[in-house]
C-alpha atoms as a PDB file:
ATOM      1  CA  UNK A   1       0.000   0.000   0.000  1.00  0.00           C
ATOM      2  CA  UNK A   2       1.532   3.346  -1.031  1.00  0.00           C
ATOM      3  CA  UNK A   3       2.137   6.050   1.556  1.00  0.00           C
ATOM      4  CA  UNK A   4      -0.418   8.874   1.599  1.00  0.00           C
ATOM      5  CA  UNK A   5       0.709  11.714  -0.656  1.00  0.00           C
ATOM      6  CA  UNK A   6       0.977  14.880   1.484  1.00  0.00           C
ATOM      7  CA  UNK A   7       0.537  17.084  -1.603  1.00  0.00           C
ATOM      8  CA  UNK A   8      -2.754  15.573  -2.772  1.00  0.00           C
ATOM      9  CA  UNK A   9      -5.282  16.756  -3.597  1.00  0.00           C
ATOM     10  CA  UNK A  10      -3.431  19.523  -5.396  1.00  0.00           C
ATOM     11  CA  UNK A  11      -5.248  22.704  -6.408  1.00  0.00           C
ATOM     12  CA  UNK A  12      -3.298  24.973  -8.801  1.00  0.00           C
ATOM     13  CA  UNK A  13      -2.796  28.626  -7.926  1.00  0.00           C
ATOM     14  CA  UNK A  14      -5.671  30.587  -9.553  1.00  0.00           C
ATOM     15  CA  UNK A  15      -3.347  33.487 -10.394  1.00  0.00           C
ATOM     16  CA  UNK A  16      -1.066  31.132 -12.317  1.00  0.00           C
ATOM     17  CA  UNK A  17      -3.958  29.418 -14.081  1.00  0.00           C
ATOM     18  CA  UNK A  18      -5.380  32.752 -15.258  1.00  0.00           C
ATOM     19  CA  UNK A  19      -2.262  33.091 -17.417  1.00  0.00           C
ATOM     20  CA  UNK A  20      -2.963  29.834 -19.265  1.00  0.00           C
ATOM     21  CA  UNK A  21      -3.107  30.561 -23.021  1.00  0.00           C
ATOM     22  CA  UNK A  22      -6.674  30.048 -24.201  1.00  0.00           C
ATOM     23  CA  UNK A  23      -7.281  26.854 -26.096  1.00  0.00           C
ATOM     24  CA  UNK A  24      -3.641  25.732 -25.959  1.00  0.00           C
ATOM     25  CA  UNK A  25      -2.263  22.508 -24.456  1.00  0.00           C
ATOM     26  CA  UNK A  26       1.397  21.931 -23.735  1.00  0.00           C
ATOM     27  CA  UNK A  27       0.788  18.297 -24.564  1.00  0.00           C
ATOM     28  CA  UNK A  28      -0.281  19.257 -28.085  1.00  0.00           C
ATOM     29  CA  UNK A  29       2.870  21.363 -28.505  1.00  0.00           C
ATOM     30  CA  UNK A  30       4.900  18.374 -27.327  1.00  0.00           C
ATOM     31  CA  UNK A  31       3.204  16.172 -29.935  1.00  0.00           C
ATOM     32  CA  UNK A  32       1.198  13.888 -27.660  1.00  0.00           C
ATOM     33  CA  UNK A  33      -0.903  11.520 -29.755  1.00  0.00           C
ATOM     34  CA  UNK A  34       0.879  12.314 -33.016  1.00  0.00           C
ATOM     35  CA  UNK A  35       1.717   9.306 -35.178  1.00  0.00           C
ATOM     36  CA  UNK A  36       4.251  11.043 -37.418  1.00  0.00           C
ATOM     37  CA  UNK A  37       7.854  11.821 -36.531  1.00  0.00           C
ATOM     38  CA  UNK A  38       8.597  15.551 -36.413  1.00  0.00           C
ATOM     39  CA  UNK A  39      11.066  17.908 -34.810  1.00  0.00           C
ATOM     40  CA  UNK A  40      10.152  19.200 -31.330  1.00  0.00           C
ATOM     41  CA  UNK A  41       8.782  22.642 -30.508  1.00  0.00           C
ATOM     42  CA  UNK A  42       9.592  24.613 -27.355  1.00  0.00           C
ATOM     43  CA  UNK A  43       6.955  24.563 -24.639  1.00  0.00           C
ATOM     44  CA  UNK A  44       8.955  25.847 -21.609  1.00  0.00           C
ATOM     45  CA  UNK A  45      12.495  26.905 -20.632  1.00  0.00           C
ATOM     46  CA  UNK A  46      13.253  29.614 -23.157  1.00  0.00           C
ATOM     47  CA  UNK A  47      14.985  32.968 -22.852  1.00  0.00           C
ATOM     48  CA  UNK A  48      12.648  34.343 -25.529  1.00  0.00           C
ATOM     49  CA  UNK A  49       9.521  34.068 -23.374  1.00  0.00           C
ATOM     50  CA  UNK A  50       7.507  36.164 -25.803  1.00  0.00           C
ATOM     51  CA  UNK A  51       8.051  33.469 -28.464  1.00  0.00           C
ATOM     52  CA  UNK A  52       6.205  30.631 -26.678  1.00  0.00           C
ATOM     53  CA  UNK A  53       2.577  30.157 -25.734  1.00  0.00           C
ATOM     54  CA  UNK A  54       3.418  29.647 -22.054  1.00  0.00           C
ATOM     55  CA  UNK A  55       5.767  32.634 -21.826  1.00  0.00           C
ATOM     56  CA  UNK A  56       3.653  34.558 -19.306  1.00  0.00           C
ATOM     57  CA  UNK A  57       3.443  31.491 -17.092  1.00  0.00           C
ATOM     58  CA  UNK A  58       7.214  31.076 -17.249  1.00  0.00           C
ATOM     59  CA  UNK A  59       7.548  34.726 -16.180  1.00  0.00           C
ATOM     60  CA  UNK A  60       5.262  33.988 -13.224  1.00  0.00           C
ATOM     61  CA  UNK A  61       7.508  31.055 -12.288  1.00  0.00           C
ATOM     62  CA  UNK A  62      10.558  33.334 -12.032  1.00  0.00           C
ATOM     63  CA  UNK A  63       8.703  36.180 -10.332  1.00  0.00           C
ATOM     64  CA  UNK A  64       7.345  33.919  -7.598  1.00  0.00           C
ATOM     65  CA  UNK A  65      10.421  31.858  -6.778  1.00  0.00           C
ATOM     66  CA  UNK A  66      11.992  32.763  -3.400  1.00  0.00           C
ATOM     67  CA  UNK A  67      14.786  35.310  -3.837  1.00  0.00           C
ATOM     68  CA  UNK A  68      17.232  33.407  -1.647  1.00  0.00           C
ATOM     69  CA  UNK A  69      20.801  34.735  -1.850  1.00  0.00           C
ATOM     70  CA  UNK A  70      22.357  31.331  -2.545  1.00  0.00           C
ATOM     71  CA  UNK A  71      19.905  30.557  -5.346  1.00  0.00           C
ATOM     72  CA  UNK A  72      20.297  33.990  -6.938  1.00  0.00           C
ATOM     73  CA  UNK A  73      24.100  33.698  -6.724  1.00  0.00           C
ATOM     74  CA  UNK A  74      24.001  30.338  -8.484  1.00  0.00           C
ATOM     75  CA  UNK A  75      21.805  31.778 -11.250  1.00  0.00           C
ATOM     76  CA  UNK A  76      24.338  34.582 -11.738  1.00  0.00           C
ATOM     77  CA  UNK A  77      27.183  32.067 -11.740  1.00  0.00           C
ATOM     78  CA  UNK A  78      25.491  29.995 -14.414  1.00  0.00           C
ATOM     79  CA  UNK A  79      24.876  33.103 -16.524  1.00  0.00           C
ATOM     80  CA  UNK A  80      28.550  34.060 -16.223  1.00  0.00           C
ATOM     81  CA  UNK A  81      29.612  30.552 -17.274  1.00  0.00           C
ATOM     82  CA  UNK A  82      27.391  30.628 -20.342  1.00  0.00           C
ATOM     83  CA  UNK A  83      28.412  34.141 -21.361  1.00  0.00           C
ATOM     84  CA  UNK A  84      32.161  33.528 -20.942  1.00  0.00           C
ATOM     85  CA  UNK A  85      33.888  33.650 -24.352  1.00  0.00           C
ATOM     86  CA  UNK A  86      35.176  30.447 -25.931  1.00  0.00           C
ATOM     87  CA  UNK A  87      38.757  30.158 -27.216  1.00  0.00           C
ATOM     88  CA  UNK A  88      39.457  30.839 -30.869  1.00  0.00           C
ATOM     89  CA  UNK A  89      39.621  27.773 -33.098  1.00  0.00           C
ATOM     90  CA  UNK A  90      43.244  26.764 -33.663  1.00  0.00           C
ATOM     91  CA  UNK A  91      44.452  26.924 -37.256  1.00  0.00           C
ATOM     92  CA  UNK A  92      45.494  23.279 -37.536  1.00  0.00           C
ATOM     93  CA  UNK A  93      42.995  20.620 -36.428  1.00  0.00           C
ATOM     94  CA  UNK A  94      44.513  17.879 -34.275  1.00  0.00           C
ATOM     95  CA  UNK A  95      44.353  14.422 -35.832  1.00  0.00           C
ATOM     96  CA  UNK A  96      43.470  11.299 -33.810  1.00  0.00           C
ATOM     97  CA  UNK A  97      41.644   8.072 -34.421  1.00  0.00           C
ATOM     98  CA  UNK A  98      37.945   8.133 -33.454  1.00  0.00           C
ATOM     99  CA  UNK A  99      38.698   5.828 -30.518  1.00  0.00           C
ATOM    100  CA  UNK A 100      41.491   8.106 -29.286  1.00  0.00           C
ATOM    101  CA  UNK A 101      39.264  11.165 -29.519  1.00  0.00           C
ATOM    102  CA  UNK A 102      36.638   9.496 -27.348  1.00  0.00           C
ATOM    103  CA  UNK A 103      39.280   8.255 -24.886  1.00  0.00           C
ATOM    104  CA  UNK A 104      40.465  11.860 -24.508  1.00  0.00           C
ATOM    105  CA  UNK A 105      37.127  12.761 -22.931  1.00  0.00           C
ATOM    106  CA  UNK A 106      38.069  10.730 -19.848  1.00  0.00           C
ATOM    107  CA  UNK A 107      40.268  13.639 -18.773  1.00  0.00           C
ATOM    108  CA  UNK A 108      37.135  15.557 -17.824  1.00  0.00           C
ATOM    109  CA  UNK A 109      36.021  12.724 -15.548  1.00  0.00           C
ATOM    110  CA  UNK A 110      39.489  12.481 -14.001  1.00  0.00           C
ATOM    111  CA  UNK A 111      39.407  16.220 -13.204  1.00  0.00           C
ATOM    112  CA  UNK A 112      35.928  16.033 -11.668  1.00  0.00           C
ATOM    113  CA  UNK A 113      34.393  18.222 -14.355  1.00  0.00           C
ATOM    114  CA  UNK A 114      31.767  15.550 -15.116  1.00  0.00           C
ATOM    115  CA  UNK A 115      30.930  12.064 -13.881  1.00  0.00           C
ATOM    116  CA  UNK A 116      30.181  10.456 -17.260  1.00  0.00           C
ATOM    117  CA  UNK A 117      30.911  11.210 -20.914  1.00  0.00           C
ATOM    118  CA  UNK A 118      29.604   9.725 -24.139  1.00  0.00           C
ATOM    119  CA  UNK A 119      29.224  10.396 -27.847  1.00  0.00           C
ATOM    120  CA  UNK A 120      26.561   9.791 -30.477  1.00  0.00           C
ATOM    121  CA  UNK A 121      25.719  11.123 -33.910  1.00  0.00           C
ATOM    122  CA  UNK A 122      23.305  14.038 -34.047  1.00  0.00           C
ATOM    123  CA  UNK A 123      19.781  13.057 -35.074  1.00  0.00           C
ATOM    124  CA  UNK A 124      18.015  15.765 -37.151  1.00  0.00           C
ATOM    125  CA  UNK A 125      14.597  14.836 -35.713  1.00  0.00           C
ATOM    126  CA  UNK A 126      15.905  15.797 -32.260  1.00  0.00           C
ATOM    127  CA  UNK A 127      16.916  19.327 -33.288  1.00  0.00           C
ATOM    128  CA  UNK A 128      14.338  21.925 -32.242  1.00  0.00           C
ATOM    129  CA  UNK A 129      12.159  23.129 -35.110  1.00  0.00           C
ATOM    130  CA  UNK A 130      13.286  26.754 -34.776  1.00  0.00           C
ATOM    131  CA  UNK A 131      17.011  25.838 -34.832  1.00  0.00           C
ATOM    132  CA  UNK A 132      19.528  24.599 -37.370  1.00  0.00           C
ATOM    133  CA  UNK A 133      22.969  23.089 -37.000  1.00  0.00           C
ATOM    134  CA  UNK A 134      25.547  21.708 -39.394  1.00  0.00           C
ATOM    135  CA  UNK A 135      27.302  19.718 -36.672  1.00  0.00           C
ATOM    136  CA  UNK A 136      27.089  15.939 -36.957  1.00  0.00           C
ATOM    137  CA  UNK A 137      28.279  14.742 -33.522  1.00  0.00           C
ATOM    138  CA  UNK A 138      26.979  15.205 -29.979  1.00  0.00           C
ATOM    139  CA  UNK A 139      29.142  14.793 -26.886  1.00  0.00           C
ATOM    140  CA  UNK A 140      27.080  14.180 -23.740  1.00  0.00           C
ATOM    141  CA  UNK A 141      28.187  14.977 -20.198  1.00  0.00           C
ATOM    142  CA  UNK A 142      26.542  13.942 -16.907  1.00  0.00           C
ATOM    143  CA  UNK A 143      26.986  15.572 -13.493  1.00  0.00           C
ATOM    144  CA  UNK A 144      25.679  13.699 -10.457  1.00  0.00           C
ATOM    145  CA  UNK A 145      23.408  15.143  -7.789  1.00  0.00           C
ATOM    146  CA  UNK A 146      24.144  15.015  -4.079  1.00  0.00           C
ATOM    147  CA  UNK A 147      21.325  12.688  -3.078  1.00  0.00           C
ATOM    148  CA  UNK A 148      20.958  14.018   0.466  1.00  0.00           C
ATOM    149  CA  UNK A 149      20.153  17.419  -1.020  1.00  0.00           C
ATOM    150  CA  UNK A 150      17.933  16.162  -3.839  1.00  0.00           C
ATOM    151  CA  UNK A 151      15.820  13.910  -1.611  1.00  0.00           C
ATOM    152  CA  UNK A 152      14.338  16.978   0.112  1.00  0.00           C
ATOM    153  CA  UNK A 153      12.355  17.837  -3.056  1.00  0.00           C
ATOM    154  CA  UNK A 154      10.226  19.884  -3.507  1.00  0.00           C
ATOM    155  CA  UNK A 155      11.949  22.107  -0.931  1.00  0.00           C
ATOM    156  CA  UNK A 156      14.157  25.025  -1.881  1.00  0.00           C
ATOM    157  CA  UNK A 157      17.133  23.007  -0.610  1.00  0.00           C
ATOM    158  CA  UNK A 158      16.608  20.606  -3.515  1.00  0.00           C
ATOM    159  CA  UNK A 159      16.056  23.506  -5.901  1.00  0.00           C
ATOM    160  CA  UNK A 160      19.411  24.982  -4.946  1.00  0.00           C
ATOM    161  CA  UNK A 161      21.067  21.596  -5.534  1.00  0.00           C
ATOM    162  CA  UNK A 162      19.483  21.346  -8.987  1.00  0.00           C
ATOM    163  CA  UNK A 163      20.676  24.840  -9.890  1.00  0.00           C
ATOM    164  CA  UNK A 164      24.186  24.026  -8.657  1.00  0.00           C
ATOM    165  CA  UNK A 165      24.363  20.949 -10.872  1.00  0.00           C
ATOM    166  CA  UNK A 166      23.097  22.956 -13.841  1.00  0.00           C
ATOM    167  CA  UNK A 167      26.072  25.247 -13.198  1.00  0.00           C
ATOM    168  CA  UNK A 168      28.407  22.240 -13.234  1.00  0.00           C
ATOM    169  CA  UNK A 169      26.838  20.887 -16.421  1.00  0.00           C
ATOM    170  CA  UNK A 170      27.218  24.272 -18.121  1.00  0.00           C
ATOM    171  CA  UNK A 171      30.849  24.510 -17.005  1.00  0.00           C
ATOM    172  CA  UNK A 172      31.522  20.992 -18.281  1.00  0.00           C
ATOM    173  CA  UNK A 173      30.044  21.792 -21.698  1.00  0.00           C
ATOM    174  CA  UNK A 174      32.038  25.013 -21.937  1.00  0.00           C
ATOM    175  CA  UNK A 175      35.285  23.269 -20.947  1.00  0.00           C
ATOM    176  CA  UNK A 176      34.854  20.476 -23.493  1.00  0.00           C
ATOM    177  CA  UNK A 177      33.900  22.942 -26.236  1.00  0.00           C
ATOM    178  CA  UNK A 178      36.887  25.140 -25.345  1.00  0.00           C
ATOM    179  CA  UNK A 179      39.264  22.174 -25.431  1.00  0.00           C
ATOM    180  CA  UNK A 180      38.005  21.121 -28.857  1.00  0.00           C
ATOM    181  CA  UNK A 181      38.414  24.613 -30.258  1.00  0.00           C
ATOM    182  CA  UNK A 182      41.977  24.735 -28.959  1.00  0.00           C
ATOM    183  CA  UNK A 183      42.473  21.407 -30.734  1.00  0.00           C
ATOM    184  CA  UNK A 184      41.374  23.048 -33.983  1.00  0.00           C
ATOM    185  CA  UNK A 185      37.790  21.774 -34.160  1.00  0.00           C
ATOM    186  CA  UNK A 186      34.711  23.968 -34.007  1.00  0.00           C
ATOM    187  CA  UNK A 187      32.418  23.139 -31.083  1.00  0.00           C
ATOM    188  CA  UNK A 188      29.274  24.580 -29.522  1.00  0.00           C
ATOM    189  CA  UNK A 189      28.181  23.977 -25.907  1.00  0.00           C
ATOM    190  CA  UNK A 190      24.555  23.129 -25.115  1.00  0.00           C
ATOM    191  CA  UNK A 191      23.399  23.786 -21.556  1.00  0.00           C
ATOM    192  CA  UNK A 192      20.193  23.392 -19.537  1.00  0.00           C
ATOM    193  CA  UNK A 193      17.667  24.071 -18.281  1.00  0.00           C
ATOM    194  CA  UNK A 194      17.040  26.639 -21.001  1.00  0.00           C
ATOM    195  CA  UNK A 195      16.313  25.040 -24.358  1.00  0.00           C
ATOM    196  CA  UNK A 196      19.348  24.757 -26.630  1.00  0.00           C
ATOM    197  CA  UNK A 197      19.399  23.520 -30.177  1.00  0.00           C
ATOM    198  CA  UNK A 198      18.782  19.852 -29.409  1.00  0.00           C
ATOM    199  CA  UNK A 199      16.895  17.442 -27.193  1.00  0.00           C
ATOM    200  CA  UNK A 200      19.565  16.116 -24.853  1.00  0.00           C
ATOM    201  CA  UNK A 201      17.784  13.123 -23.297  1.00  0.00           C
ATOM    202  CA  UNK A 202      17.281  11.023 -26.457  1.00  0.00           C
ATOM    203  CA  UNK A 203      20.841  11.765 -27.590  1.00  0.00           C
ATOM    204  CA  UNK A 204      22.114  10.757 -24.136  1.00  0.00           C
ATOM    205  CA  UNK A 205      20.215   7.477 -24.374  1.00  0.00           C
ATOM    206  CA  UNK A 206      21.922   6.785 -27.710  1.00  0.00           C
ATOM    207  CA  UNK A 207      25.278   7.635 -26.104  1.00  0.00           C
ATOM    208  CA  UNK A 208      24.831   4.986 -23.408  1.00  0.00           C
ATOM    209  CA  UNK A 209      23.769   7.101 -20.435  1.00  0.00           C
ATOM    210  CA  UNK A 210      20.777   4.936 -19.616  1.00  0.00           C
ATOM    211  CA  UNK A 211      17.124   4.483 -20.450  1.00  0.00           C
ATOM    212  CA  UNK A 212      14.004   6.627 -20.303  1.00  0.00           C
ATOM    213  CA  UNK A 213      12.061   6.170 -17.073  1.00  0.00           C
ATOM    214  CA  UNK A 214       8.345   6.388 -16.427  1.00  0.00           C
ATOM    215  CA  UNK A 215       8.875   9.863 -14.941  1.00  0.00           C
ATOM    216  CA  UNK A 216      10.098  11.192 -18.298  1.00  0.00           C
ATOM    217  CA  UNK A 217      13.701  11.537 -17.143  1.00  0.00           C
ATOM    218  CA  UNK A 218      16.615   9.182 -17.714  1.00  0.00           C
ATOM    219  CA  UNK A 219      17.672   6.410 -15.380  1.00  0.00           C
ATOM    220  CA  UNK A 220      21.409   5.804 -15.275  1.00  0.00           C
ATOM    221  CA  UNK A 221      23.017   2.568 -14.065  1.00  0.00           C
ATOM    222  CA  UNK A 222      25.171   4.478 -11.538  1.00  0.00           C
ATOM    223  CA  UNK A 223      23.293   7.682 -10.709  1.00  0.00           C
ATOM    224  CA  UNK A 224      19.693   6.627 -11.113  1.00  0.00           C
ATOM    225  CA  UNK A 225      17.759   9.757 -12.023  1.00  0.00           C
ATOM    226  CA  UNK A 226      19.945  11.948  -9.822  1.00  0.00           C
ATOM    227  CA  UNK A 227      21.979  13.713 -12.500  1.00  0.00           C
ATOM    228  CA  UNK A 228      21.884  16.541 -15.051  1.00  0.00           C
ATOM    229  CA  UNK A 229      23.106  16.757 -18.621  1.00  0.00           C
ATOM    230  CA  UNK A 230      25.252  19.045 -20.715  1.00  0.00           C
ATOM    231  CA  UNK A 231      26.228  18.582 -24.347  1.00  0.00           C
ATOM    232  CA  UNK A 232      28.643  19.769 -27.015  1.00  0.00           C
ATOM    233  CA  UNK A 233      28.028  19.855 -30.766  1.00  0.00           C
ATOM    234  CA  UNK A 234      31.031  19.256 -33.005  1.00  0.00           C
ATOM    235  CA  UNK A 235      32.346  17.581 -36.156  1.00  0.00           C
ATOM    236  CA  UNK A 236      35.464  16.169 -34.518  1.00  0.00           C
ATOM    237  CA  UNK A 237      35.592  12.457 -35.483  1.00  0.00           C
ATOM    238  CA  UNK A 238      34.709  10.795 -32.169  1.00  0.00           C
ATOM    239  CA  UNK A 239      33.782   7.136 -31.881  1.00  0.00           C
ATOM    240  CA  UNK A 240      30.233   6.619 -30.667  1.00  0.00           C
ATOM    241  CA  UNK A 241      29.866   5.056 -27.233  1.00  0.00           C
ATOM    242  CA  UNK A 242      26.626   3.132 -27.936  1.00  0.00           C
ATOM    243  CA  UNK A 243      23.427   2.448 -26.014  1.00  0.00           C
ATOM    244  CA  UNK A 244      23.320   0.757 -22.608  1.00  0.00           C
ATOM    245  CA  UNK A 245      20.171  -1.138 -21.651  1.00  0.00           C
ATOM    246  CA  UNK A 246      19.868  -2.823 -18.264  1.00  0.00           C
ATOM    247  CA  UNK A 247      16.164  -3.485 -17.750  1.00  0.00           C
ATOM    248  CA  UNK A 248      14.757  -0.071 -16.824  1.00  0.00           C
ATOM    249  CA  UNK A 249      11.782  -0.376 -19.160  1.00  0.00           C
ATOM    250  CA  UNK A 250      10.643  -3.604 -17.551  1.00  0.00           C
ATOM    251  CA  UNK A 251      11.289  -2.177 -14.077  1.00  0.00           C
ATOM    252  CA  UNK A 252       9.230   0.972 -14.708  1.00  0.00           C
ATOM    253  CA  UNK A 253       6.361  -1.069 -16.109  1.00  0.00           C
ATOM    254  CA  UNK A 254       6.006  -2.724 -12.695  1.00  0.00           C
ATOM    255  CA  UNK A 255       6.911   0.237 -10.455  1.00  0.00           C
ATOM    256  CA  UNK A 256       4.515   2.989  -9.382  1.00  0.00           C
ATOM    257  CA  UNK A 257       6.670   4.975  -6.962  1.00  0.00           C
ATOM    258  CA  UNK A 258       6.921   8.139  -9.053  1.00  0.00           C
ATOM    259  CA  UNK A 259       3.270   7.832 -10.132  1.00  0.00           C
ATOM    260  CA  UNK A 260       2.093   7.785  -6.538  1.00  0.00           C
ATOM    261  CA  UNK A 261       4.479  10.547  -5.457  1.00  0.00           C
ATOM    262  CA  UNK A 262       3.542  13.034  -8.196  1.00  0.00           C
ATOM    263  CA  UNK A 263       1.260  15.645  -6.574  1.00  0.00           C
ATOM    264  CA  UNK A 264      -0.793  16.468  -9.715  1.00  0.00           C
ATOM    265  CA  UNK A 265      -0.854  12.829 -10.953  1.00  0.00           C
ATOM    266  CA  UNK A 266       0.928  13.844 -14.154  1.00  0.00           C
ATOM    267  CA  UNK A 267       2.868  10.587 -14.670  1.00  0.00           C
ATOM    268  CA  UNK A 268       1.123   8.126 -16.936  1.00  0.00           C
ATOM    269  CA  UNK A 269       1.032   4.428 -15.926  1.00  0.00           C
ATOM    270  CA  UNK A 270       1.310   3.486 -19.584  1.00  0.00           C
ATOM    271  CA  UNK A 271       3.405   4.628 -22.522  1.00  0.00           C
ATOM    272  CA  UNK A 272       1.984   7.201 -24.909  1.00  0.00           C
ATOM    273  CA  UNK A 273       2.602   8.049 -28.542  1.00  0.00           C
ATOM    274  CA  UNK A 274       4.594  11.268 -28.902  1.00  0.00           C
ATOM    275  CA  UNK A 275       5.708  12.568 -32.313  1.00  0.00           C
ATOM    276  CA  UNK A 276       5.677   9.088 -33.791  1.00  0.00           C
ATOM    277  CA  UNK A 277       7.351   7.315 -30.869  1.00  0.00           C
ATOM    278  CA  UNK A 278       5.705   5.230 -28.150  1.00  0.00           C
ATOM    279  CA  UNK A 279       7.370   6.126 -24.845  1.00  0.00           C
ATOM    280  CA  UNK A 280       6.871   7.144 -21.227  1.00  0.00           C
ATOM    281  CA  UNK A 281       5.350  10.610 -21.001  1.00  0.00           C
ATOM    282  CA  UNK A 282       4.590  13.175 -18.304  1.00  0.00           C
ATOM    283  CA  UNK A 283       1.442  15.261 -18.811  1.00  0.00           C
ATOM    284  CA  UNK A 284       2.700  18.835 -19.189  1.00  0.00           C
ATOM    285  CA  UNK A 285      -0.657  20.454 -18.453  1.00  0.00           C
ATOM    286  CA  UNK A 286      -0.947  18.632 -15.112  1.00  0.00           C
ATOM    287  CA  UNK A 287       2.729  18.936 -14.165  1.00  0.00           C
ATOM    288  CA  UNK A 288       3.518  22.583 -14.829  1.00  0.00           C
ATOM    289  CA  UNK A 289       1.283  24.263 -12.164  1.00  0.00           C
ATOM    290  CA  UNK A 290       2.888  22.334  -9.293  1.00  0.00           C
ATOM    291  CA  UNK A 291       6.328  22.649 -10.921  1.00  0.00           C
ATOM    292  CA  UNK A 292       5.939  26.429 -11.093  1.00  0.00           C
ATOM    293  CA  UNK A 293       4.598  26.813  -7.573  1.00  0.00           C
ATOM    294  CA  UNK A 294       7.493  24.844  -6.058  1.00  0.00           C
ATOM    295  CA  UNK A 295      10.279  26.408  -8.143  1.00  0.00           C
ATOM    296  CA  UNK A 296      11.042  23.166  -9.952  1.00  0.00           C
ATOM    297  CA  UNK A 297       9.520  20.255  -7.945  1.00  0.00           C
ATOM    298  CA  UNK A 298      11.920  17.287  -8.752  1.00  0.00           C
ATOM    299  CA  UNK A 299       9.920  14.888  -6.565  1.00  0.00           C
ATOM    300  CA  UNK A 300       9.769  12.189  -9.234  1.00  0.00           C
ATOM    301  CA  UNK A 301      13.529  11.930  -9.717  1.00  0.00           C
ATOM    302  CA  UNK A 302      14.174  12.148  -5.974  1.00  0.00           C
ATOM    303  CA  UNK A 303      11.827   9.267  -5.085  1.00  0.00           C
ATOM    304  CA  UNK A 304      12.919   7.040  -7.991  1.00  0.00           C
ATOM    305  CA  UNK A 305      14.287   3.822  -6.408  1.00  0.00           C
ATOM    306  CA  UNK A 306      17.277   3.965  -8.752  1.00  0.00           C
ATOM    307  CA  UNK A 307      18.365   7.329  -7.325  1.00  0.00           C
ATOM    308  CA  UNK A 308      19.106   6.006  -3.843  1.00  0.00           C
ATOM    309  CA  UNK A 309      22.865   5.497  -3.424  1.00  0.00           C
ATOM    310  CA  UNK A 310      24.058   1.921  -3.386  1.00  0.00           C
ATOM    311  CA  UNK A 311      20.968   0.231  -4.830  1.00  0.00           C
ATOM    312  CA  UNK A 312      21.657   0.148  -8.571  1.00  0.00           C
ATOM    313  CA  UNK A 313      23.923  -2.916  -8.609  1.00  0.00           C
ATOM    314  CA  UNK A 314      21.324  -5.028  -6.805  1.00  0.00           C
ATOM    315  CA  UNK A 315      18.530  -3.769  -9.041  1.00  0.00           C
ATOM    316  CA  UNK A 316      20.515  -4.541 -12.193  1.00  0.00           C
ATOM    317  CA  UNK A 317      21.298  -8.060 -10.913  1.00  0.00           C
ATOM    318  CA  UNK A 318      17.632  -8.706 -10.106  1.00  0.00           C
ATOM    319  CA  UNK A 319      16.523  -7.465 -13.518  1.00  0.00           C
ATOM    320  CA  UNK A 320      19.138  -9.637 -15.232  1.00  0.00           C
ATOM    321  CA  UNK A 321      17.892 -12.707 -13.360  1.00  0.00           C
ATOM    322  CA  UNK A 322      14.301 -11.830 -14.252  1.00  0.00           C
ATOM    323  CA  UNK A 323      15.214 -11.478 -17.929  1.00  0.00           C
ATOM    324  CA  UNK A 324      17.051 -14.801 -17.832  1.00  0.00           C
ATOM    325  CA  UNK A 325      14.015 -16.569 -16.382  1.00  0.00           C
ATOM    326  CA  UNK A 326      11.805 -15.082 -19.101  1.00  0.00           C
ATOM    327  CA  UNK A 327      14.141 -16.392 -21.793  1.00  0.00           C
ATOM    328  CA  UNK A 328      14.275 -19.933 -20.444  1.00  0.00           C
END
């Protein structure tokens, strides 16, 4: 029997709901129910708030978040990281084998810049509809959350932790892009939470960072859902790192922890069709009021069983045994 949810029933703030654009659903913008593959459109997290239907609601989100010194300082730090100039591109591109290029990324793990790195080819259908890029490769970078901070979600303590890791992810992307430019290869950092040119999660799945969970975020074999992503676009000839599947899909089909913990019941118990792909999906229209009122929520990734330190190895072993029994 699940624990009672202290946030249910949830009633959205009337002031926030008055800003809802008439006749518009975020789910429709996201492509829920669409059978054809298409490039994504922006629904939230944009600096050009006047360009999206939910721009006024995003403004409300920022206007109503607590103006805590530590949080505001982290936002300024992230802005400074993003606005810092990149090095000029060296005249002579360095030459390495694809495998050596990818091996070179381990230096950023060794220095504590990121906790995981990976590479995949850029998929045009995962480039936002209002953007264009000529780059063909995507480098992915993961930075791990401090679980003791994240588990307090939806408190401001967790929100500060999320913002701190977004700073780290931005710094990681800038460092990798800067290194590549000094090596003579053009490179462009992509940072969250604001929308960049590409969807990072599907590219990260292709790069071996994990699988999509029921809560709409990734589940990693080491970090669970307790991590954030950065990315770098480039044409440097890296070797791809490949997908890594370890049973998450089967696990999520039988787990309801995030479903039960979600205050507005936005997490679907079944997969949905989104822009031609059947996958786990979180209802934007249900999620965003609570997300906005709590300055980012993060409950679903905090309660995910995979996010608890020290449990992933046992879960992976159990899932492997289950898969073996099914195949017998």
